[in-house]
Amino acid sequence: MTERPHFEVLDGLRGIAALLVLVFHVNEIPVMGDPARNILPHGALAVDFFFCLSGFVVSYAYDRRWARGMGFGEFVKRRLIRLHPLVILATAIGAAVYFLGPFRGPGWDIGPVAAATTIALALLVLPYPGLPGRFEDTHSLDGPTWTLFQEYVGNLAYALVLRHLGNRVLLALAAIAAIVLGWAAVSHGKLSLGFGWETFPYAFVRLAFPFIFGLWLHRMLPALPRLRLGLVPLGLLMTGALALPFLGTADAATANGLLEAAMVIVLFPLIVLFGAHSDVGPRTLATARVLGRLSYPLYILHYPFIYKFADWVILTEPKPGAVLAVALVIPPAMIALGWAGLRLWDEPLRAALSRRLKA
C-alpha cells in the first residue's frame, strides 16, 4: 500500500490563518470594529479559508473510511473527539471570564437558570440569546464557536448527503453557492457576516461554497494542475490579501464586496490547491507542524480575552498608550494559552477518547 500524503503546507497555512485571526481580533478593539482602520481589513475572511480547508481535509480523512465500511456513528464519534474537547475548555474559559471577570457593565447579571442554559447551549455549540455587553453574538461566551456550529453542519451535510454526490453535482452545487455568496458580499459590501443574530442566516452562506468546493478540490486533486508554492510565499500571499485596503465606505462598499467575494471564491481555493501540491523543506517542516497543531486551540481559546479587552476599553476609556501596550501583550499570551490548551488538555483528552473508540 502506498503511503498517503500528509499536507504539511496546508497545516502551516492553517496556523498562519489562526494567527491572522488573532491579530485581526486584537486590532478590532482600538478601532472599534471599523475594518477600514484595521491593519487587516479583511481578516475576518480567514474563517472562509478555514471552511475551504475543512472541506478538503474532511474528504481526505474520511472518503476512504466510508468506502471501507465506516458507519455514521463512528464518523460522528471521530469528529466529536477531534473538535469537542476544546469546545468544552473554551466554554469554561468564556464562562469564567464573563461571569467572574472584572470590567462588568451595568445590567450584566443574569439569573442562574439563564446562565446554566447559556453554558449548556455553548457546550453543544448551538446558538443562544446574546449576553449583555456581547454585541448580539450568537455564541457570546466564545465568539469563534459560531464557526464550530457551522463546522458540524458541514460535517453532517457531508456524511448524510455530499459524500454520495458525484463530482459534477458537487461542482454545480459549489457554483450555485458561489453565486449566492457573491450576492451576499455585494449586497452588504463585505463578507464579515453570520456571527451575530442580525445576519445569522449568512453563516450558512459563508459555509456552503468553500466547504463544498473544498470537498471537490480534494477529490479532483490528482487531475488538477500541480501548481506549487512554498509555505512562506503562500502565507505572505494570504497575509497580503487580508491586508488590502477596505474599498469604498461603509455605506457604499460594492467594490469591497466584490473584492472579498473574489478572495473566497478564487484566491483561497487556489492557495489550497498550491499548498496541497507543495512540499516543505527540512527547515520549515517543524514550523509547519507546530503551526498546524497550534491553529485550532489558538483560534478557539483566544476570544474570551478579546471580549474582556473590549470591556476594559469601553468601560474605562484608558489612554491610547495603555491600549497599545495591552494589544501588544495579548498575542503572545494567547499563543502561550493555545499551546498550553493543546498540550495539557486537548491532546491528552483526545488520545484517551481515541483509545476508548478503538477498544
Protein backbone atom coordinates (compact mmCIF):
# COMPACT_ATOMS: atom_id res chain seq x y z
CA MET A 1 0.00 0.00 0.00
CA THR A 2 1.39 3.41 -0.92
CA GLU A 3 1.70 5.89 1.91
CA ARG A 4 -0.89 8.64 1.79
CA PRO A 5 0.47 12.18 1.57
CA HIS A 6 0.35 14.49 4.55
CA PHE A 7 -0.26 18.07 3.58
CA GLU A 8 2.27 19.88 5.79
CA VAL A 9 1.97 23.13 3.85
CA LEU A 10 -1.78 23.18 4.49
CA ASP A 11 -1.10 22.54 8.19
CA GLY A 12 1.21 25.53 8.25
CA LEU A 13 -1.28 27.72 6.38
CA ARG A 14 -3.99 26.82 8.87
CA GLY A 15 -1.73 28.04 11.66
CA ILE A 16 -0.89 31.24 9.80
CA ALA A 17 -4.60 31.88 9.27
CA ALA A 18 -5.25 31.41 13.01
CA LEU A 19 -2.50 33.93 13.82
CA LEU A 20 -4.03 36.40 11.35
CA VAL A 21 -7.45 35.99 13.00
CA LEU A 22 -5.84 36.73 16.37
CA VAL A 23 -4.18 39.91 15.06
CA PHE A 24 -7.42 40.99 13.37
CA HIS A 25 -9.45 40.49 16.55
CA VAL A 26 -6.96 42.31 18.77
CA ASN A 27 -6.89 45.26 16.38
CA GLU A 28 -10.68 45.43 16.21
CA ILE A 29 -10.86 46.82 19.74
CA PRO A 30 -8.77 50.01 19.38
CA VAL A 31 -10.51 50.81 16.06
CA MET A 32 -13.97 49.98 17.45
CA GLY A 33 -14.70 47.38 14.82
CA ASP A 34 -14.08 49.62 11.80
CA PRO A 35 -12.49 47.33 9.18
CA ALA A 36 -11.14 50.29 7.19
CA ARG A 37 -8.87 51.17 10.14
CA ASN A 38 -7.86 47.60 10.98
CA ILE A 39 -4.34 46.56 9.96
CA LEU A 40 -6.03 43.51 8.42
CA PRO A 41 -9.21 44.99 6.91
CA HIS A 42 -10.28 41.60 5.52
CA GLY A 43 -9.04 39.49 8.43
CA ALA A 44 -12.49 38.06 9.10
CA LEU A 45 -12.20 36.11 5.84
CA ALA A 46 -9.66 33.75 7.38
CA VAL A 47 -12.78 31.92 8.57
CA ASP A 48 -13.78 31.28 4.94
CA PHE A 49 -10.30 29.90 4.27
CA PHE A 50 -10.82 27.55 7.22
CA PHE A 51 -14.11 26.35 5.71
CA CYS A 52 -12.44 25.57 2.37
CA LEU A 53 -9.60 23.77 4.11
CA SER A 54 -12.12 21.88 6.25
CA GLY A 55 -13.96 20.52 3.21
CA PHE A 56 -10.65 19.42 1.70
CA VAL A 57 -9.45 17.74 4.91
CA VAL A 58 -12.77 16.01 5.65
CA SER A 59 -12.74 14.45 2.18
CA TYR A 60 -9.09 13.43 2.62
CA ALA A 61 -9.64 11.96 6.07
CA TYR A 62 -12.93 10.13 5.61
CA ASP A 63 -13.74 9.27 1.98
CA ARG A 64 -11.68 6.07 2.16
CA ARG A 65 -13.07 5.18 5.59
CA TRP A 66 -16.64 5.31 4.27
CA ALA A 67 -15.59 3.07 1.37
CA ARG A 68 -14.15 0.57 3.86
CA GLY A 69 -17.40 0.38 5.83
CA MET A 70 -17.21 3.13 8.43
CA GLY A 71 -20.67 3.85 9.83
CA PHE A 72 -22.33 7.16 10.63
CA GLY A 73 -21.93 6.64 14.38
CA GLU A 74 -18.18 6.14 14.09
CA PHE A 75 -17.88 9.25 11.91
CA VAL A 76 -19.73 11.35 14.49
CA LYS A 77 -17.59 9.99 17.33
CA ARG A 78 -14.40 10.76 15.42
CA ARG A 79 -15.46 14.33 14.69
CA LEU A 80 -16.54 14.91 18.29
CA ILE A 81 -13.22 13.59 19.56
CA ARG A 82 -11.34 15.86 17.18
CA LEU A 83 -13.30 19.04 17.82
CA HIS A 84 -15.20 18.97 21.07
CA PRO A 85 -12.60 18.75 23.86
CA LEU A 86 -11.51 22.31 23.08
CA VAL A 87 -15.14 23.44 22.87
CA ILE A 88 -15.51 22.34 26.49
CA LEU A 89 -12.37 24.21 27.54
CA ALA A 90 -13.32 27.32 25.55
CA THR A 91 -16.77 27.35 27.15
CA ALA A 92 -15.28 27.03 30.64
CA ILE A 93 -12.86 29.90 29.97
CA GLY A 94 -15.58 32.01 28.37
CA ALA A 95 -17.97 31.49 31.29
CA ALA A 96 -15.27 32.28 33.86
CA VAL A 97 -14.21 35.43 32.02
CA TYR A 98 -17.78 36.67 31.58
CA PHE A 99 -19.33 35.80 34.94
CA LEU A 100 -16.28 36.21 37.19
CA GLY A 101 -14.02 38.64 35.33
CA PRO A 102 -13.56 42.35 36.01
CA PHE A 103 -14.91 45.33 34.00
CA ARG A 104 -18.57 44.34 34.04
CA GLY A 105 -21.17 46.73 32.76
CA PRO A 106 -24.45 47.65 34.43
CA GLY A 107 -27.24 45.13 33.96
CA TRP A 108 -24.88 42.26 33.19
CA ASP A 109 -26.13 39.99 35.99
CA ILE A 110 -28.43 37.23 34.76
CA GLY A 111 -30.27 34.59 36.74
CA PRO A 112 -28.89 31.12 37.45
CA VAL A 113 -31.32 29.42 35.05
CA ALA A 114 -30.35 31.75 32.18
CA ALA A 115 -26.67 31.29 32.99
CA ALA A 116 -26.98 27.49 33.10
CA THR A 117 -28.95 27.46 29.84
CA THR A 118 -26.32 29.64 28.17
CA ILE A 119 -23.49 27.36 29.28
CA ALA A 120 -25.38 24.21 28.24
CA LEU A 121 -26.09 25.57 24.75
CA ALA A 122 -22.50 26.77 24.45
CA LEU A 123 -21.24 23.25 25.27
CA LEU A 124 -23.41 21.99 22.42
CA VAL A 125 -22.12 24.83 20.16
CA LEU A 126 -25.74 25.79 19.49
CA PRO A 127 -26.65 29.50 19.10
CA TYR A 128 -28.10 31.12 22.20
CA PRO A 129 -29.51 34.53 23.21
CA GLY A 130 -26.78 37.14 23.35
CA LEU A 131 -25.37 38.04 26.74
CA PRO A 132 -25.38 41.69 27.85
CA GLY A 133 -22.33 43.51 26.55
CA ARG A 134 -21.58 40.91 23.88
CA PHE A 135 -22.65 42.70 20.70
CA GLU A 136 -25.54 40.33 19.79
CA ASP A 137 -23.09 37.50 19.05
CA THR A 138 -24.79 34.14 18.53
CA HIS A 139 -22.11 32.46 20.67
CA SER A 140 -21.34 35.17 23.16
CA LEU A 141 -19.26 33.21 25.68
CA ASP A 142 -16.72 32.50 22.96
CA GLY A 143 -17.46 34.20 19.64
CA PRO A 144 -15.49 31.91 17.28
CA THR A 145 -17.57 28.88 18.27
CA TRP A 146 -20.15 30.11 15.74
CA THR A 147 -17.83 28.60 13.16
CA LEU A 148 -17.73 25.30 15.08
CA PHE A 149 -21.51 25.15 14.79
CA GLN A 150 -21.10 25.63 11.05
CA GLU A 151 -18.32 23.04 11.01
CA TYR A 152 -20.69 20.48 12.49
CA VAL A 153 -23.40 21.47 10.00
CA GLY A 154 -20.93 20.96 7.15
CA ASN A 155 -19.77 17.63 8.56
CA LEU A 156 -23.32 16.33 8.89
CA ALA A 157 -24.14 17.51 5.37
CA TYR A 158 -21.06 15.64 4.14
CA ALA A 159 -21.94 12.45 6.00
CA LEU A 160 -25.61 12.39 5.02
CA VAL A 161 -25.64 13.88 1.52
CA LEU A 162 -22.49 15.36 0.00
CA ARG A 163 -20.30 12.26 0.11
CA HIS A 164 -22.84 10.43 -2.05
CA LEU A 165 -22.76 13.03 -4.84
CA GLY A 166 -20.66 12.85 -7.97
CA ASN A 167 -18.01 15.41 -8.74
CA ARG A 168 -20.11 17.18 -11.36
CA VAL A 169 -23.00 17.59 -8.95
CA LEU A 170 -20.66 18.85 -6.24
CA LEU A 171 -19.20 21.39 -8.64
CA ALA A 172 -22.68 22.53 -9.70
CA LEU A 173 -23.69 22.99 -6.05
CA ALA A 174 -20.48 24.92 -5.41
CA ALA A 175 -21.23 27.17 -8.39
CA ILE A 176 -24.72 27.95 -7.08
CA ALA A 177 -23.30 28.60 -3.60
CA ALA A 178 -20.67 30.91 -5.12
CA ILE A 179 -23.39 32.97 -6.80
CA VAL A 180 -25.27 33.33 -3.52
CA LEU A 181 -22.04 34.18 -1.72
CA GLY A 182 -21.20 36.85 -4.28
CA TRP A 183 -24.68 38.34 -3.96
CA ALA A 184 -24.34 38.48 -0.16
CA ALA A 185 -20.93 40.14 -0.40
CA VAL A 186 -22.05 42.79 -2.89
CA SER A 187 -25.32 43.44 -1.03
CA HIS A 188 -23.54 44.09 2.26
CA GLY A 189 -20.23 45.41 0.95
CA LYS A 190 -18.41 42.74 2.95
CA LEU A 191 -18.49 39.08 3.94
CA SER A 192 -17.94 39.54 7.67
CA LEU A 193 -21.45 38.21 8.31
CA GLY A 194 -23.18 35.42 10.19
CA PHE A 195 -21.57 35.69 13.63
CA GLY A 196 -24.35 37.89 15.06
CA TRP A 197 -28.10 37.45 15.26
CA GLU A 198 -28.78 40.25 12.77
CA THR A 199 -27.01 38.39 9.95
CA PHE A 200 -27.19 34.82 11.29
CA PRO A 201 -28.56 33.17 8.07
CA TYR A 202 -25.46 34.33 6.20
CA ALA A 203 -23.34 31.98 8.31
CA PHE A 204 -24.68 29.12 6.16
CA VAL A 205 -23.96 31.13 3.01
CA ARG A 206 -20.35 31.58 4.10
CA LEU A 207 -20.03 27.87 4.84
CA ALA A 208 -21.63 26.45 1.71
CA PHE A 209 -19.30 27.43 -1.12
CA PRO A 210 -15.87 26.99 0.49
CA PHE A 211 -16.79 23.72 2.23
CA ILE A 212 -18.37 22.11 -0.86
CA PHE A 213 -15.61 23.35 -3.13
CA GLY A 214 -13.00 22.06 -0.69
CA LEU A 215 -14.58 18.59 -0.94
CA TRP A 216 -14.50 18.77 -4.74
CA LEU A 217 -10.95 20.10 -4.72
CA HIS A 218 -9.64 17.12 -2.80
CA ARG A 219 -11.49 14.63 -4.97
CA MET A 220 -10.15 16.22 -8.13
CA LEU A 221 -6.65 16.93 -6.83
CA PRO A 222 -4.82 14.28 -8.92
CA ALA A 223 -6.36 15.69 -12.12
CA LEU A 224 -5.70 19.35 -11.36
CA PRO A 225 -2.53 21.23 -12.38
CA ARG A 226 0.33 20.58 -9.99
CA LEU A 227 0.84 24.19 -9.07
CA ARG A 228 3.41 24.70 -6.33
CA LEU A 229 4.47 27.43 -3.92
CA GLY A 230 6.13 27.08 -0.57
CA LEU A 231 4.64 27.74 2.83
CA VAL A 232 6.27 31.15 3.19
CA PRO A 233 5.14 32.56 -0.20
CA LEU A 234 1.61 31.25 0.31
CA GLY A 235 1.50 32.63 3.85
CA LEU A 236 2.66 36.02 2.59
CA LEU A 237 0.07 35.89 -0.18
CA MET A 238 -2.74 35.24 2.29
CA THR A 239 -1.48 37.91 4.66
CA GLY A 240 -1.15 40.44 1.85
CA ALA A 241 -4.67 39.72 0.62
CA LEU A 242 -6.20 40.17 4.08
CA ALA A 243 -4.21 43.40 4.49
CA LEU A 244 -5.51 45.01 1.29
CA PRO A 245 -7.32 48.31 1.91
CA PHE A 246 -11.05 48.35 2.50
CA LEU A 247 -12.59 49.61 -0.73
CA GLY A 248 -15.21 52.33 -0.55
CA THR A 249 -17.09 53.43 2.54
CA ALA A 250 -19.40 51.57 4.89
CA ASP A 251 -22.42 52.98 3.01
CA ALA A 252 -21.03 52.38 -0.49
CA ALA A 253 -18.78 49.34 -0.50
CA THR A 254 -19.84 47.35 -3.56
CA ALA A 255 -16.23 47.18 -4.73
CA ASN A 256 -15.20 45.84 -1.34
CA GLY A 257 -17.86 43.16 -1.52
CA LEU A 258 -16.59 42.13 -4.95
CA LEU A 259 -13.02 42.01 -3.64
CA GLU A 260 -13.93 39.84 -0.68
CA ALA A 261 -16.05 37.53 -2.84
CA ALA A 262 -13.09 37.12 -5.21
CA MET A 263 -10.83 36.21 -2.29
CA VAL A 264 -13.18 33.48 -1.09
CA ILE A 265 -14.26 32.13 -4.48
CA VAL A 266 -10.94 32.35 -6.36
CA LEU A 267 -7.92 33.13 -4.18
CA PHE A 268 -8.45 30.82 -1.21
CA PRO A 269 -9.15 27.70 -3.31
CA LEU A 270 -6.01 28.48 -5.33
CA ILE A 271 -3.99 28.77 -2.12
CA VAL A 272 -5.33 25.38 -1.00
CA LEU A 273 -4.52 23.90 -4.42
CA PHE A 274 -0.97 25.29 -4.40
CA GLY A 275 -0.48 24.19 -0.79
CA ALA A 276 -1.77 20.67 -1.42
CA HIS A 277 0.71 20.14 -4.26
CA SER A 278 3.64 21.71 -2.41
CA ASP A 279 6.21 20.25 -0.06
CA VAL A 280 8.04 21.87 2.80
CA GLY A 281 11.78 21.76 3.13
CA PRO A 282 13.51 20.44 6.23
CA ARG A 283 13.95 23.98 7.55
CA THR A 284 10.23 24.72 7.57
CA LEU A 285 8.80 21.26 8.29
CA ALA A 286 8.93 21.62 12.07
CA THR A 287 7.44 25.11 11.86
CA ALA A 288 4.59 23.91 9.65
CA ARG A 289 3.78 21.10 12.06
CA VAL A 290 3.81 23.38 15.10
CA LEU A 291 1.59 25.90 13.32
CA GLY A 292 -0.82 23.14 12.37
CA ARG A 293 -1.06 21.83 15.91
CA LEU A 294 -1.46 25.30 17.38
CA SER A 295 -4.06 26.55 14.91
CA TYR A 296 -7.26 25.18 16.41
CA PRO A 297 -6.55 25.80 20.13
CA LEU A 298 -5.29 29.32 19.37
CA TYR A 299 -8.35 30.07 17.28
CA ILE A 300 -10.94 28.70 19.69
CA LEU A 301 -9.46 29.83 23.04
CA HIS A 302 -8.41 33.43 22.49
CA TYR A 303 -11.68 35.28 22.10
CA PRO A 304 -12.95 35.46 25.71
CA PHE A 305 -9.91 37.65 26.40
CA ILE A 306 -10.70 39.81 23.36
CA TYR A 307 -14.13 40.34 24.89
CA LYS A 308 -12.51 41.38 28.16
CA PHE A 309 -10.10 43.67 26.32
CA ALA A 310 -13.15 45.33 24.75
CA ASP A 311 -14.88 45.60 28.15
CA TRP A 312 -11.85 47.36 29.60
CA VAL A 313 -11.55 49.80 26.70
CA ILE A 314 -15.28 50.60 26.53
CA LEU A 315 -15.99 50.83 30.25
CA THR A 316 -12.83 52.58 31.50
CA GLU A 317 -11.72 54.61 28.44
CA PRO A 318 -7.96 54.14 29.05
CA LYS A 319 -5.31 56.24 27.36
CA PRO A 320 -4.19 55.17 23.87
CA GLY A 321 -0.73 54.21 25.12
CA ALA A 322 -2.21 51.79 27.64
CA VAL A 323 -4.48 50.27 24.97
CA LEU A 324 -1.50 49.77 22.66
CA ALA A 325 0.54 48.14 25.42
CA VAL A 326 -2.22 45.64 26.19
CA ALA A 327 -2.79 44.99 22.48
CA LEU A 328 0.88 44.05 22.10
CA VAL A 329 0.80 41.69 25.09
CA ILE A 330 -2.33 39.77 24.07
CA PRO A 331 -0.96 37.87 21.01
CA PRO A 332 1.99 36.19 22.76
CA ALA A 333 -0.18 35.48 25.79
CA MET A 334 -2.83 33.84 23.61
CA ILE A 335 -0.21 31.79 21.78
CA ALA A 336 1.01 30.52 25.16
CA LEU A 337 -2.59 29.79 26.20
CA GLY A 338 -3.25 27.92 22.96
CA TRP A 339 -0.14 25.80 23.36
CA ALA A 340 -0.99 25.02 26.99
CA GLY A 341 -4.55 24.10 26.00
CA LEU A 342 -3.20 21.82 23.30
CA ARG A 343 -0.60 20.02 25.42
CA LEU A 344 -2.38 19.88 28.78
CA TRP A 345 -5.98 19.38 27.71
CA ASP A 346 -6.71 18.69 24.05
CA GLU A 347 -4.07 16.14 23.08
CA PRO A 348 -4.30 14.05 26.29
CA LEU A 349 -8.10 14.01 26.21
CA ARG A 350 -8.27 13.16 22.51
CA ALA A 351 -5.75 10.37 22.98
CA ALA A 352 -7.78 8.87 25.83
CA LEU A 353 -11.04 9.11 23.89
CA SER A 354 -9.46 7.64 20.77
CA ARG A 355 -8.25 4.64 22.76
CA ARG A 356 -11.78 4.05 24.00
CA LEU A 357 -13.14 4.32 20.45
CA LYS A 358 -10.76 1.58 19.29
CA ALA A 359 -11.40 -0.63 22.34
